[in-house]
Amino acid sequence: MELDHIIKQSLLNLEKSFDALDNALMKQANGAAASTGMAEELNMLIEDRSQLAAQLDDAKAKIESLESVNQEIETRVDVAMQQLALLLNEDGDV
């Protein structure tokens, strides 16, 4: 009877060990899958960052172009106003 009890207890311990091993393997597999998912997400974030950086560079170039055009228009308006002021002064002198 004692041998029967020892064998049953050993089988229970062996089953518990297999369950623990199975759980450990599942955790490891889940960790590897999560790591792969995180790597893919990181790659997507890096790609998004690159696209946003390119869009920002394009926007900065457009802003510089618009500032240049704005400065040119401002200069032309100033010249036109000065010419009008001269014409008005000439008409007043006559």
PDB file of N, CA and C in Angstrom:
ATOM      1  N   MET A   1       0.822  -1.189   0.000  1.00  0.00           N
ATOM      2  CA  MET A   1       0.000   0.000   0.000  1.00  0.00           C
ATOM      3  C   MET A   1       0.870   1.259   0.000  1.00  0.00           C
ATOM      4  N   GLU A   2       1.928   1.158   0.775  1.00  0.00           N
ATOM      5  CA  GLU A   2       2.815   2.317   0.855  1.00  0.00           C
ATOM      6  C   GLU A   2       3.434   2.613  -0.506  1.00  0.00           C
ATOM      7  N   LEU A   3       3.788   1.603  -1.255  1.00  0.00           N
ATOM      8  CA  LEU A   3       4.383   1.787  -2.573  1.00  0.00           C
ATOM      9  C   LEU A   3       3.379   2.417  -3.519  1.00  0.00           C
ATOM     10  N   ASP A   4       2.128   2.008  -3.419  1.00  0.00           N
ATOM     11  CA  ASP A   4       1.054   2.597  -4.222  1.00  0.00           C
ATOM     12  C   ASP A   4       0.939   4.093  -3.946  1.00  0.00           C
ATOM     13  N   HIS A   5       0.984   4.444  -2.686  1.00  0.00           N
ATOM     14  CA  HIS A   5       0.873   5.850  -2.290  1.00  0.00           C
ATOM     15  C   HIS A   5       2.076   6.648  -2.814  1.00  0.00           C
ATOM     16  N   ILE A   6       3.243   6.086  -2.721  1.00  0.00           N
ATOM     17  CA  ILE A   6       4.455   6.768  -3.189  1.00  0.00           C
ATOM     18  C   ILE A   6       4.397   6.971  -4.702  1.00  0.00           C
ATOM     19  N   ILE A   7       3.926   5.957  -5.423  1.00  0.00           N
ATOM     20  CA  ILE A   7       3.820   6.069  -6.886  1.00  0.00           C
ATOM     21  C   ILE A   7       2.796   7.132  -7.265  1.00  0.00           C
ATOM     22  N   LYS A   8       1.638   7.126  -6.590  1.00  0.00           N
ATOM     23  CA  LYS A   8       0.603   8.132  -6.879  1.00  0.00           C
ATOM     24  C   LYS A   8       1.130   9.533  -6.585  1.00  0.00           C
ATOM     25  N   GLN A   9       1.826   9.680  -5.459  1.00  0.00           N
ATOM     26  CA  GLN A   9       2.374  10.992  -5.097  1.00  0.00           C
ATOM     27  C   GLN A   9       3.428  11.427  -6.117  1.00  0.00           C
ATOM     28  N   SER A  10       4.239  10.507  -6.555  1.00  0.00           N
ATOM     29  CA  SER A  10       5.258  10.818  -7.564  1.00  0.00           C
ATOM     30  C   SER A  10       4.617  11.220  -8.882  1.00  0.00           C
ATOM     31  N   LEU A  11       3.553  10.517  -9.256  1.00  0.00           N
ATOM     32  CA  LEU A  11       2.839  10.877 -10.488  1.00  0.00           C
ATOM     33  C   LEU A  11       2.206  12.260 -10.374  1.00  0.00           C
ATOM     34  N   LEU A  12       1.637  12.571  -9.209  1.00  0.00           N
ATOM     35  CA  LEU A  12       1.071  13.912  -9.000  1.00  0.00           C
ATOM     36  C   LEU A  12       2.168  14.977  -9.094  1.00  0.00           C
ATOM     37  N   ASN A  13       3.305  14.706  -8.475  1.00  0.00           N
ATOM     38  CA  ASN A  13       4.423  15.656  -8.541  1.00  0.00           C
ATOM     39  C   ASN A  13       4.919  15.820  -9.976  1.00  0.00           C
ATOM     40  N   LEU A  14       4.978  14.704 -10.703  1.00  0.00           N
ATOM     41  CA  LEU A  14       5.401  14.761 -12.100  1.00  0.00           C
ATOM     42  C   LEU A  14       4.410  15.569 -12.932  1.00  0.00           C
ATOM     43  N   GLU A  15       3.122  15.370 -12.678  1.00  0.00           N
ATOM     44  CA  GLU A  15       2.088  16.124 -13.400  1.00  0.00           C
ATOM     45  C   GLU A  15       2.189  17.614 -13.090  1.00  0.00           C
ATOM     46  N   LYS A  16       2.425  17.940 -11.809  1.00  0.00           N
ATOM     47  CA  LYS A  16       2.590  19.349 -11.430  1.00  0.00           C
ATOM     48  C   LYS A  16       3.818  19.952 -12.124  1.00  0.00           C
ATOM     49  N   SER A  17       4.875  19.173 -12.219  1.00  0.00           N
ATOM     50  CA  SER A  17       6.089  19.650 -12.884  1.00  0.00           C
ATOM     51  C   SER A  17       5.840  19.901 -14.368  1.00  0.00           C
ATOM     52  N   PHE A  18       5.105  18.974 -14.995  1.00  0.00           N
ATOM     53  CA  PHE A  18       4.771  19.171 -16.412  1.00  0.00           C
ATOM     54  C   PHE A  18       3.889  20.408 -16.605  1.00  0.00           C
ATOM     55  N   ASP A  19       2.935  20.612 -15.699  1.00  0.00           N
ATOM     56  CA  ASP A  19       2.083  21.805 -15.774  1.00  0.00           C
ATOM     57  C   ASP A  19       2.921  23.076 -15.624  1.00  0.00           C
ATOM     58  N   ALA A  20       3.852  23.057 -14.677  1.00  0.00           N
ATOM     59  CA  ALA A  20       4.713  24.225 -14.475  1.00  0.00           C
ATOM     60  C   ALA A  20       5.575  24.476 -15.709  1.00  0.00           C
ATOM     61  N   LEU A  21       6.106  23.391 -16.286  1.00  0.00           N
ATOM     62  CA  LEU A  21       6.911  23.518 -17.503  1.00  0.00           C
ATOM     63  C   LEU A  21       6.069  24.056 -18.650  1.00  0.00           C
ATOM     64  N   ASP A  22       4.857  23.543 -18.786  1.00  0.00           N
ATOM     65  CA  ASP A  22       3.942  24.009 -19.832  1.00  0.00           C
ATOM     66  C   ASP A  22       3.636  25.493 -19.659  1.00  0.00           C
ATOM     67  N   ASN A  23       3.357  25.902 -18.420  1.00  0.00           N
ATOM     68  CA  ASN A  23       3.085  27.322 -18.146  1.00  0.00           C
ATOM     69  C   ASN A  23       4.296  28.193 -18.472  1.00  0.00           C
ATOM     70  N   ALA A  24       5.481  27.707 -18.107  1.00  0.00           N
ATOM     71  CA  ALA A  24       6.699  28.474 -18.393  1.00  0.00           C
ATOM     72  C   ALA A  24       6.915  28.613 -19.895  1.00  0.00           C
ATOM     73  N   LEU A  25       6.685  27.531 -20.633  1.00  0.00           N
ATOM     74  CA  LEU A  25       6.840  27.584 -22.090  1.00  0.00           C
ATOM     75  C   LEU A  25       5.811  28.520 -22.722  1.00  0.00           C
ATOM     76  N   MET A  26       4.590  28.505 -22.205  1.00  0.00           N
ATOM     77  CA  MET A  26       3.547  29.403 -22.726  1.00  0.00           C
ATOM     78  C   MET A  26       3.919  30.866 -22.473  1.00  0.00           C
ATOM     79  N   LYS A  27       4.425  31.141 -21.270  1.00  0.00           N
ATOM     80  CA  LYS A  27       4.838  32.510 -20.952  1.00  0.00           C
ATOM     81  C   LYS A  27       5.971  32.960 -21.871  1.00  0.00           C
ATOM     82  N   GLN A  28       6.912  32.049 -22.098  1.00  0.00           N
ATOM     83  CA  GLN A  28       8.037  32.380 -22.972  1.00  0.00           C
ATOM     84  C   GLN A  28       7.554  32.637 -24.395  1.00  0.00           C
ATOM     85  N   ALA A  29       6.633  31.809 -24.877  1.00  0.00           N
ATOM     86  CA  ALA A  29       6.093  31.987 -26.228  1.00  0.00           C
ATOM     87  C   ALA A  29       5.327  33.298 -26.324  1.00  0.00           C
ATOM     88  N   ASN A  30       4.536  33.607 -25.295  1.00  0.00           N
ATOM     89  CA  ASN A  30       3.788  34.871 -25.290  1.00  0.00           C
ATOM     90  C   ASN A  30       4.734  36.061 -25.247  1.00  0.00           C
ATOM     91  N   GLY A  31       5.817  35.930 -24.485  1.00  0.00           N
ATOM     92  CA  GLY A  31       6.807  37.006 -24.413  1.00  0.00           C
ATOM     93  C   GLY A  31       7.479  37.232 -25.753  1.00  0.00           C
ATOM     94  N   ALA A  32       7.790  36.151 -26.447  1.00  0.00           N
ATOM     95  CA  ALA A  32       8.421  36.272 -27.765  1.00  0.00           C
ATOM     96  C   ALA A  32       7.462  36.904 -28.758  1.00  0.00           C
ATOM     97  N   ALA A  33       6.187  36.499 -28.689  1.00  0.00           N
ATOM     98  CA  ALA A  33       5.189  37.082 -29.592  1.00  0.00           C
ATOM     99  C   ALA A  33       4.998  38.560 -29.291  1.00  0.00           C
ATOM    100  N   ALA A  34       4.968  38.907 -28.003  1.00  0.00           N
ATOM    101  CA  ALA A  34       4.814  40.313 -27.626  1.00  0.00           C
ATOM    102  C   ALA A  34       6.022  41.114 -28.086  1.00  0.00           C
ATOM    103  N   SER A  35       7.204  40.525 -27.966  1.00  0.00           N
ATOM    104  CA  SER A  35       8.421  41.203 -28.397  1.00  0.00           C
ATOM    105  C   SER A  35       8.395  41.454 -29.900  1.00  0.00           C
ATOM    106  N   THR A  36       7.937  40.462 -30.659  1.00  0.00           N
ATOM    107  CA  THR A  36       7.825  40.620 -32.110  1.00  0.00           C
ATOM    108  C   THR A  36       6.820  41.714 -32.440  1.00  0.00           C
ATOM    109  N   GLY A  37       5.698  41.723 -31.731  1.00  0.00           N
ATOM    110  CA  GLY A  37       4.685  42.755 -31.950  1.00  0.00           C
ATOM    111  C   GLY A  37       5.215  44.137 -31.630  1.00  0.00           C
ATOM    112  N   MET A  38       5.989  44.230 -30.554  1.00  0.00           N
ATOM    113  CA  MET A  38       6.557  45.522 -30.180  1.00  0.00           C
ATOM    114  C   MET A  38       7.569  45.986 -31.217  1.00  0.00           C
ATOM    115  N   ALA A  39       8.341  45.063 -31.763  1.00  0.00           N
ATOM    116  CA  ALA A  39       9.320  45.425 -32.793  1.00  0.00           C
ATOM    117  C   ALA A  39       8.613  45.938 -34.040  1.00  0.00           C
ATOM    118  N   GLU A  40       7.524  45.281 -34.413  1.00  0.00           N
ATOM    119  CA  GLU A  40       6.755  45.735 -35.578  1.00  0.00           C
ATOM    120  C   GLU A  40       6.162  47.115 -35.322  1.00  0.00           C
ATOM    121  N   GLU A  41       5.641  47.316 -34.115  1.00  0.00           N
ATOM    122  CA  GLU A  41       5.068  48.620 -33.775  1.00  0.00           C
ATOM    123  C   GLU A  41       6.147  49.700 -33.775  1.00  0.00           C
ATOM    124  N   LEU A  42       7.324  49.367 -33.271  1.00  0.00           N
ATOM    125  CA  LEU A  42       8.432  50.320 -33.277  1.00  0.00           C
ATOM    126  C   LEU A  42       8.818  50.690 -34.702  1.00  0.00           C
ATOM    127  N   ASN A  43       8.867  49.704 -35.592  1.00  0.00           N
ATOM    128  CA  ASN A  43       9.177  49.985 -36.996  1.00  0.00           C
ATOM    129  C   ASN A  43       8.134  50.895 -37.619  1.00  0.00           C
ATOM    130  N   MET A  44       6.857  50.672 -37.295  1.00  0.00           N
ATOM    131  CA  MET A  44       5.797  51.539 -37.828  1.00  0.00           C
ATOM    132  C   MET A  44       5.946  52.955 -37.287  1.00  0.00           C
ATOM    133  N   LEU A  45       6.286  53.090 -36.001  1.00  0.00           N
ATOM    134  CA  LEU A  45       6.477  54.416 -35.418  1.00  0.00           C
ATOM    135  C   LEU A  45       7.663  55.136 -36.058  1.00  0.00           C
ATOM    136  N   ILE A  46       8.724  54.404 -36.331  1.00  0.00           N
ATOM    137  CA  ILE A  46       9.895  55.005 -36.989  1.00  0.00           C
ATOM    138  C   ILE A  46       9.527  55.473 -38.391  1.00  0.00           C
ATOM    139  N   GLU A  47       8.749  54.660 -39.103  1.00  0.00           N
ATOM    140  CA  GLU A  47       8.315  55.046 -40.448  1.00  0.00           C
ATOM    141  C   GLU A  47       7.414  56.282 -40.390  1.00  0.00           C
ATOM    142  N   ASP A  48       6.480  56.306 -39.421  1.00  0.00           N
ATOM    143  CA  ASP A  48       5.613  57.475 -39.258  1.00  0.00           C
ATOM    144  C   ASP A  48       6.437  58.717 -38.949  1.00  0.00           C
ATOM    145  N   ARG A  49       7.445  58.568 -38.094  1.00  0.00           N
ATOM    146  CA  ARG A  49       8.290  59.696 -37.732  1.00  0.00           C
ATOM    147  C   ARG A  49       9.022  60.230 -38.961  1.00  0.00           C
ATOM    148  N   SER A  50       9.506  59.322 -39.791  1.00  0.00           N
ATOM    149  CA  SER A  50      10.209  59.734 -41.011  1.00  0.00           C
ATOM    150  C   SER A  50       9.280  60.500 -41.944  1.00  0.00           C
ATOM    151  N   GLN A  51       8.052  60.011 -42.076  1.00  0.00           N
ATOM    152  CA  GLN A  51       7.081  60.696 -42.933  1.00  0.00           C
ATOM    153  C   GLN A  51       6.740  62.071 -42.371  1.00  0.00           C
ATOM    154  N   LEU A  52       6.561  62.154 -41.046  1.00  0.00           N
ATOM    155  CA  LEU A  52       6.258  63.442 -40.428  1.00  0.00           C
ATOM    156  C   LEU A  52       7.430  64.411 -40.571  1.00  0.00           C
ATOM    157  N   ALA A  53       8.645  63.915 -40.456  1.00  0.00           N
ATOM    158  CA  ALA A  53       9.824  64.773 -40.624  1.00  0.00           C
ATOM    159  C   ALA A  53       9.890  65.312 -42.047  1.00  0.00           C
ATOM    160  N   ALA A  54       9.580  64.470 -43.025  1.00  0.00           N
ATOM    161  CA  ALA A  54       9.574  64.915 -44.424  1.00  0.00           C
ATOM    162  C   ALA A  54       8.486  65.959 -44.644  1.00  0.00           C
ATOM    163  N   GLN A  55       7.310  65.735 -44.063  1.00  0.00           N
ATOM    164  CA  GLN A  55       6.221  66.706 -44.199  1.00  0.00           C
ATOM    165  C   GLN A  55       6.596  68.026 -43.533  1.00  0.00           C
ATOM    166  N   LEU A  56       7.267  67.947 -42.381  1.00  0.00           N
ATOM    167  CA  LEU A  56       7.701  69.160 -41.693  1.00  0.00           C
ATOM    168  C   LEU A  56       8.716  69.923 -42.532  1.00  0.00           C
ATOM    169  N   ASP A  57       9.649  69.218 -43.136  1.00  0.00           N
ATOM    170  CA  ASP A  57      10.634  69.870 -44.009  1.00  0.00           C
ATOM    171  C   ASP A  57       9.950  70.557 -45.189  1.00  0.00           C
ATOM    172  N   ASP A  58       8.964  69.881 -45.782  1.00  0.00           N
ATOM    173  CA  ASP A  58       8.215  70.480 -46.894  1.00  0.00           C
ATOM    174  C   ASP A  58       7.474  71.732 -46.437  1.00  0.00           C
ATOM    175  N   ALA A  59       6.860  71.659 -45.252  1.00  0.00           N
ATOM    176  CA  ALA A  59       6.119  72.809 -44.728  1.00  0.00           C
ATOM    177  C   ALA A  59       7.062  73.977 -44.450  1.00  0.00           C
ATOM    178  N   LYS A  60       8.242  73.685 -43.897  1.00  0.00           N
ATOM    179  CA  LYS A  60       9.217  74.750 -43.636  1.00  0.00           C
ATOM    180  C   LYS A  60       9.663  75.406 -44.935  1.00  0.00           C
ATOM    181  N   ALA A  61       9.899  74.607 -45.964  1.00  0.00           N
ATOM    182  CA  ALA A  61      10.306  75.155 -47.260  1.00  0.00           C
ATOM    183  C   ALA A  61       9.202  76.038 -47.827  1.00  0.00           C
ATOM    184  N   LYS A  62       7.956  75.613 -47.684  1.00  0.00           N
ATOM    185  CA  LYS A  62       6.834  76.408 -48.187  1.00  0.00           C
ATOM    186  C   LYS A  62       6.715  77.713 -47.406  1.00  0.00           C
ATOM    187  N   ILE A  63       6.917  77.649 -46.097  1.00  0.00           N
ATOM    188  CA  ILE A  63       6.861  78.859 -45.274  1.00  0.00           C
ATOM    189  C   ILE A  63       7.939  79.842 -45.711  1.00  0.00           C
ATOM    190  N   GLU A  64       9.152  79.344 -45.929  1.00  0.00           N
ATOM    191  CA  GLU A  64      10.244  80.219 -46.375  1.00  0.00           C
ATOM    192  C   GLU A  64       9.919  80.850 -47.720  1.00  0.00           C
ATOM    193  N   SER A  65       9.332  80.073 -48.614  1.00  0.00           N
ATOM    194  CA  SER A  65       8.953  80.590 -49.927  1.00  0.00           C
ATOM    195  C   SER A  65       7.887  81.671 -49.783  1.00  0.00           C
ATOM    196  N   LEU A  66       6.887  81.410 -48.937  1.00  0.00           N
ATOM    197  CA  LEU A  66       5.820  82.397 -48.734  1.00  0.00           C
ATOM    198  C   LEU A  66       6.350  83.660 -48.064  1.00  0.00           C
ATOM    199  N   GLU A  67       7.287  83.503 -47.130  1.00  0.00           N
ATOM    200  CA  GLU A  67       7.880  84.678 -46.492  1.00  0.00           C
ATOM    201  C   GLU A  67       8.643  85.512 -47.509  1.00  0.00           C
ATOM    202  N   SER A  68       9.334  84.855 -48.420  1.00  0.00           N
ATOM    203  CA  SER A  68      10.080  85.557 -49.463  1.00  0.00           C
ATOM    204  C   SER A  68       9.127  86.315 -50.384  1.00  0.00           C
ATOM    205  N   VAL A  69       8.053  85.650 -50.790  1.00  0.00           N
ATOM    206  CA  VAL A  69       7.056  86.301 -51.654  1.00  0.00           C
ATOM    207  C   VAL A  69       6.414  87.463 -50.910  1.00  0.00           C
ATOM    208  N   ASN A  70       6.115  87.265 -49.629  1.00  0.00           N
ATOM    209  CA  ASN A  70       5.504  88.319 -48.826  1.00  0.00           C
ATOM    210  C   ASN A  70       6.429  89.535 -48.738  1.00  0.00           C
ATOM    211  N   GLN A  71       7.718  89.291 -48.546  1.00  0.00           N
ATOM    212  CA  GLN A  71       8.683  90.390 -48.476  1.00  0.00           C
ATOM    213  C   GLN A  71       8.748  91.142 -49.803  1.00  0.00           C
ATOM    214  N   GLU A  72       8.733  90.410 -50.902  1.00  0.00           N
ATOM    215  CA  GLU A  72       8.765  91.045 -52.222  1.00  0.00           C
ATOM    216  C   GLU A  72       7.518  91.903 -52.439  1.00  0.00           C
ATOM    217  N   ILE A  73       6.372  91.384 -52.066  1.00  0.00           N
ATOM    218  CA  ILE A  73       5.121  92.148 -52.221  1.00  0.00           C
ATOM    219  C   ILE A  73       5.156  93.389 -51.345  1.00  0.00           C
ATOM    220  N   GLU A  74       5.647  93.242 -50.118  1.00  0.00           N
ATOM    221  CA  GLU A  74       5.734  94.385 -49.212  1.00  0.00           C
ATOM    222  C   GLU A  74       6.634  95.472 -49.800  1.00  0.00           C
ATOM    223  N   THR A  75       7.746  95.073 -50.389  1.00  0.00           N
ATOM    224  CA  THR A  75       8.658  96.036 -51.015  1.00  0.00           C
ATOM    225  C   THR A  75       7.974  96.740 -52.179  1.00  0.00           C
ATOM    226  N   ARG A  76       7.270  95.992 -53.005  1.00  0.00           N
ATOM    227  CA  ARG A  76       6.577  96.595 -54.152  1.00  0.00           C
ATOM    228  C   ARG A  76       5.492  97.572 -53.694  1.00  0.00           C
ATOM    229  N   VAL A  77       4.771  97.206 -52.644  1.00  0.00           N
ATOM    230  CA  VAL A  77       3.724  98.105 -52.128  1.00  0.00           C
ATOM    231  C   VAL A  77       4.364  99.381 -51.595  1.00  0.00           C
ATOM    232  N   ASP A  78       5.484  99.259 -50.877  1.00  0.00           N
ATOM    233  CA  ASP A  78       6.173 100.445 -50.363  1.00  0.00           C
ATOM    234  C   ASP A  78       6.627 101.357 -51.500  1.00  0.00           C
ATOM    235  N   VAL A  79       7.190 100.765 -52.552  1.00  0.00           N
ATOM    236  CA  VAL A  79       7.632 101.556 -53.707  1.00  0.00           C
ATOM    237  C   VAL A  79       6.436 102.244 -54.355  1.00  0.00           C
ATOM    238  N   ALA A  80       5.343 101.521 -54.520  1.00  0.00           N
ATOM    239  CA  ALA A  80       4.146 102.104 -55.139  1.00  0.00           C
ATOM    240  C   ALA A  80       3.611 103.251 -54.291  1.00  0.00           C
ATOM    241  N   MET A  81       3.612 103.088 -52.964  1.00  0.00           N
ATOM    242  CA  MET A  81       3.119 104.158 -52.086  1.00  0.00           C
ATOM    243  C   MET A  81       4.024 105.389 -52.170  1.00  0.00           C
ATOM    244  N   GLN A  82       5.332 105.162 -52.248  1.00  0.00           N
ATOM    245  CA  GLN A  82       6.257 106.285 -52.371  1.00  0.00           C
ATOM    246  C   GLN A  82       6.051 107.016 -53.692  1.00  0.00           C
ATOM    247  N   GLN A  83       5.836 106.259 -54.752  1.00  0.00           N
ATOM    248  CA  GLN A  83       5.598 106.880 -56.054  1.00  0.00           C
ATOM    249  C   GLN A  83       4.289 107.663 -56.041  1.00  0.00           C
ATOM    250  N   LEU A  84       3.263 107.112 -55.410  1.00  0.00           N
ATOM    251  CA  LEU A  84       1.986 107.838 -55.309  1.00  0.00           C
ATOM    252  C   LEU A  84       2.156 109.111 -54.488  1.00  0.00           C
ATOM    253  N   ALA A  85       2.914 109.022 -53.411  1.00  0.00           N
ATOM    254  CA  ALA A  85       3.142 110.208 -52.585  1.00  0.00           C
ATOM    255  C   ALA A  85       3.880 111.274 -53.384  1.00  0.00           C
ATOM    256  N   LEU A  86       4.863 110.873 -54.188  1.00  0.00           N
ATOM    257  CA  LEU A  86       5.581 111.829 -55.028  1.00  0.00           C
ATOM    258  C   LEU A  86       4.644 112.464 -56.047  1.00  0.00           C
ATOM    259  N   LEU A  87       3.791 111.643 -56.669  1.00  0.00           N
ATOM    260  CA  LEU A  87       2.840 112.169 -57.647  1.00  0.00           C
ATOM    261  C   LEU A  87       1.867 113.142 -56.997  1.00  0.00           C
ATOM    262  N   LEU A  88       1.407 112.809 -55.807  1.00  0.00           N
ATOM    263  CA  LEU A  88       0.475 113.701 -55.108  1.00  0.00           C
ATOM    264  C   LEU A  88       1.166 115.007 -54.721  1.00  0.00           C
ATOM    265  N   ASN A  89       2.415 114.923 -54.307  1.00  0.00           N
ATOM    266  CA  ASN A  89       3.163 116.131 -53.965  1.00  0.00           C
ATOM    267  C   ASN A  89       3.405 116.993 -55.191  1.00  0.00           C
ATOM    268  N   GLU A  90       3.691 116.346 -56.348  1.00  0.00           N
ATOM    269  CA  GLU A  90       3.894 117.101 -57.581  1.00  0.00           C
ATOM    270  C   GLU A  90       2.609 117.802 -57.983  1.00  0.00           C
ATOM    271  N   ASP A  91       1.487 117.129 -57.847  1.00  0.00           N
ATOM    272  CA  ASP A  91       0.206 117.750 -58.193  1.00  0.00           C
ATOM    273  C   ASP A  91      -0.098 118.900 -57.252  1.00  0.00           C
ATOM    274  N   GLY A  92       0.315 118.798 -56.015  1.00  0.00           N
ATOM    275  CA  GLY A  92       0.073 119.866 -55.058  1.00  0.00           C
ATOM    276  C   GLY A  92       0.969 121.060 -55.309  1.00  0.00           C
ATOM    277  N   ASP A  93       2.152 120.834 -55.872  1.00  0.00           N
ATOM    278  CA  ASP A  93       3.094 121.907 -56.147  1.00  0.00           C
ATOM    279  C   ASP A  93       2.710 122.680 -57.396  1.00  0.00           C
ATOM    280  N   VAL A  94       1.996 122.072 -58.269  1.00  0.00           N
ATOM    281  CA  VAL A  94       1.693 122.710 -59.544  1.00  0.00           C
ATOM    282  C   VAL A  94       0.668 123.755 -59.400  1.00  0.00           C
TER     283      VAL A  94
END
